[in-house]
Amino acid sequence: MDVEKYRKMEFLEIAQRYFSAREYSELQAIPAQDLQRYFFSCWTRKEALLKGLGEGIGNLLDQVSLSIGSGAPEITCFRGNPDVSRRWCLMDVNVDPDYAAAIAFEGKAVQVCHWLFETQRVEQLVARERNGQQVSADGDPPFQR
């Protein structure tokens, strides 16, 4: 998995240096107002995959070519190991509007669920339990799905 906070940087310069030629070319065609989102989407997908494979990102970022865009992420090419694109899956994960996140795993696509934990509600439940009151999260859970 990889998570990155959106931030300003020289996206095309970084992509030219570390992304595949195809990814760089596709990023050049993205409108300026969308470039940050597409750049970080690609970056988190690449880093999640390389972490999943047990590889470092230093020398392999440009060896991995992924789909650019808002559709389902695809591994279009992995130089040196063509089986990677058949055996591995990538998924974007919506963790926060200010972050890009992706997971990579070997196997077939799965449904991923995550919960947003409401800290204040948990503190209320803990306080009630400490005061000897019955606590049940069934009707009023401290998280949202």
Protein backbone atom coordinates (compact mmCIF):
# COMPACT_ATOMS: atom_id res chain seq x y z
CA MET A 1 0.00 0.00 0.00
CA ASP A 2 1.05 3.55 -0.56
CA VAL A 3 -0.53 6.80 0.61
CA GLU A 4 0.57 10.26 -0.48
CA LYS A 5 -0.71 13.69 0.52
CA TYR A 6 -1.48 15.89 -2.46
CA ARG A 7 1.07 18.70 -2.70
CA LYS A 8 2.48 20.98 -5.34
CA MET A 9 5.63 19.93 -7.16
CA GLU A 10 7.06 19.81 -10.64
CA PHE A 11 4.90 16.88 -11.75
CA LEU A 12 6.05 16.62 -15.35
CA GLU A 13 9.74 16.94 -14.45
CA ILE A 14 9.43 14.16 -11.90
CA ALA A 15 7.36 12.01 -14.27
CA GLN A 16 9.91 12.47 -17.07
CA ARG A 17 12.64 11.22 -14.76
CA TYR A 18 10.86 8.38 -12.94
CA PHE A 19 7.85 7.27 -15.01
CA SER A 20 7.77 5.21 -18.18
CA ALA A 21 7.82 7.06 -21.50
CA ARG A 22 4.17 6.12 -22.10
CA GLU A 23 3.06 7.39 -18.67
CA TYR A 24 4.97 10.63 -19.16
CA SER A 25 3.39 11.14 -22.56
CA GLU A 26 -0.11 10.55 -21.16
CA LEU A 27 0.50 12.92 -18.24
CA GLN A 28 1.55 15.66 -20.66
CA ALA A 29 -1.95 15.50 -22.16
CA ILE A 30 -3.72 15.92 -18.79
CA PRO A 31 -5.20 19.41 -18.16
CA ALA A 32 -3.18 21.40 -15.61
CA GLN A 33 -6.00 21.45 -13.05
CA ASP A 34 -6.10 17.62 -13.02
CA LEU A 35 -2.38 16.90 -13.22
CA GLN A 36 -1.78 16.65 -9.46
CA ARG A 37 -4.52 14.02 -9.00
CA TYR A 38 -3.38 11.91 -11.96
CA PHE A 39 0.30 12.17 -11.02
CA PHE A 40 -0.27 11.02 -7.44
CA SER A 41 -2.67 8.30 -8.58
CA CYS A 42 0.04 6.88 -10.81
CA TRP A 43 2.77 7.35 -8.17
CA THR A 44 0.85 5.56 -5.39
CA ARG A 45 -0.07 2.70 -7.72
CA LYS A 46 3.56 2.25 -8.79
CA GLU A 47 4.92 2.42 -5.27
CA ALA A 48 2.25 0.04 -3.89
CA LEU A 49 3.09 -2.49 -6.61
CA LEU A 50 6.84 -2.29 -6.06
CA LYS A 51 6.39 -2.62 -2.30
CA GLY A 52 4.13 -5.63 -2.85
CA LEU A 53 6.77 -7.23 -5.04
CA GLY A 54 9.40 -6.60 -2.37
CA GLU A 55 11.34 -4.28 -4.65
CA GLY A 56 12.73 -0.85 -3.90
CA ILE A 57 11.47 2.09 -5.90
CA GLY A 58 14.90 3.53 -6.65
CA ASN A 59 15.72 1.82 -9.93
CA LEU A 60 12.40 0.34 -11.00
CA LEU A 61 9.87 3.18 -11.20
CA ASP A 62 10.41 3.63 -14.93
CA GLN A 63 10.32 -0.15 -15.47
CA VAL A 64 6.66 -0.29 -14.46
CA SER A 65 4.05 1.15 -16.79
CA LEU A 66 0.54 1.67 -15.45
CA SER A 67 -2.70 3.04 -16.78
CA ILE A 68 -3.14 6.77 -16.27
CA GLY A 69 -6.61 7.99 -15.52
CA SER A 70 -9.59 7.56 -13.32
CA GLY A 71 -10.56 4.10 -14.56
CA ALA A 72 -9.61 0.82 -12.98
CA PRO A 73 -5.83 0.73 -12.54
CA GLU A 74 -3.99 -1.62 -14.86
CA ILE A 75 -0.42 -2.81 -15.04
CA THR A 76 0.32 -2.36 -18.72
CA CYS A 77 3.97 -3.41 -18.62
CA PHE A 78 6.60 -4.57 -16.15
CA ARG A 79 9.94 -4.98 -17.85
CA GLY A 80 11.78 -8.09 -16.83
CA ASN A 81 8.69 -9.89 -15.53
CA PRO A 82 5.68 -9.99 -17.87
CA ASP A 83 3.75 -12.26 -15.46
CA VAL A 84 3.32 -9.38 -13.01
CA SER A 85 0.54 -7.81 -15.06
CA ARG A 86 -1.39 -11.10 -15.09
CA ARG A 87 -0.88 -12.06 -11.45
CA TRP A 88 -1.10 -8.74 -9.61
CA CYS A 89 -4.01 -6.36 -9.02
CA LEU A 90 -4.00 -2.67 -8.22
CA MET A 91 -6.79 -0.77 -6.51
CA ASP A 92 -7.20 2.86 -5.64
CA VAL A 93 -8.37 3.46 -2.07
CA ASN A 94 -10.34 6.54 -1.10
CA VAL A 95 -8.86 7.43 2.30
CA ASP A 96 -9.30 11.21 2.36
CA PRO A 97 -9.95 13.99 -0.20
CA ASP A 98 -6.41 15.34 0.41
CA TYR A 99 -4.67 12.02 -0.24
CA ALA A 100 -4.07 9.50 -3.00
CA ALA A 101 -3.79 5.86 -1.96
CA ALA A 102 -3.45 2.51 -3.68
CA ILE A 103 -3.01 -1.12 -2.74
CA ALA A 104 -1.39 -3.90 -4.74
CA PHE A 105 -1.81 -7.59 -4.15
CA GLU A 106 -1.20 -10.86 -5.90
CA GLY A 107 -4.40 -12.56 -6.98
CA LYS A 108 -7.81 -11.63 -8.27
CA ALA A 109 -9.57 -8.35 -7.59
CA VAL A 110 -11.46 -8.14 -4.32
CA GLN A 111 -13.86 -5.69 -2.74
CA VAL A 112 -12.10 -3.47 -0.21
CA CYS A 113 -14.05 -1.81 2.59
CA HIS A 114 -12.78 0.75 5.02
CA TRP A 115 -14.33 2.62 7.89
CA LEU A 116 -13.98 6.18 9.05
CA PHE A 117 -13.49 6.09 12.78
CA GLU A 118 -15.32 8.79 14.73
CA THR A 119 -12.95 9.53 17.61
CA GLN A 120 -15.43 11.60 19.60
CA ARG A 121 -18.05 8.83 19.58
CA VAL A 122 -15.48 6.25 20.69
CA GLU A 123 -14.47 8.49 23.59
CA GLN A 124 -18.14 8.74 24.62
CA LEU A 125 -18.52 4.95 24.54
CA VAL A 126 -15.34 4.45 26.59
CA ALA A 127 -16.51 7.03 29.16
CA ARG A 128 -19.89 5.31 29.47
CA GLU A 129 -18.22 1.95 29.95
CA ARG A 130 -15.92 3.35 32.63
CA ASN A 131 -18.98 4.70 34.46
CA GLY A 132 -20.51 1.23 34.50
CA GLN A 133 -23.09 1.94 31.82
CA GLN A 134 -23.94 -0.68 29.24
CA VAL A 135 -22.24 0.00 25.93
CA SER A 136 -23.50 -1.32 22.63
CA ALA A 137 -22.23 -0.14 19.27
CA ASP A 138 -24.98 -2.00 17.39
CA GLY A 139 -27.41 0.87 17.17
CA ASP A 140 -24.94 3.74 17.07
CA PRO A 141 -21.55 2.62 15.79
CA PRO A 142 -18.47 4.83 16.21
CA PHE A 143 -17.60 4.39 12.57
CA GLN A 144 -19.01 4.94 9.14
CA ARG A 145 -18.64 2.55 6.27
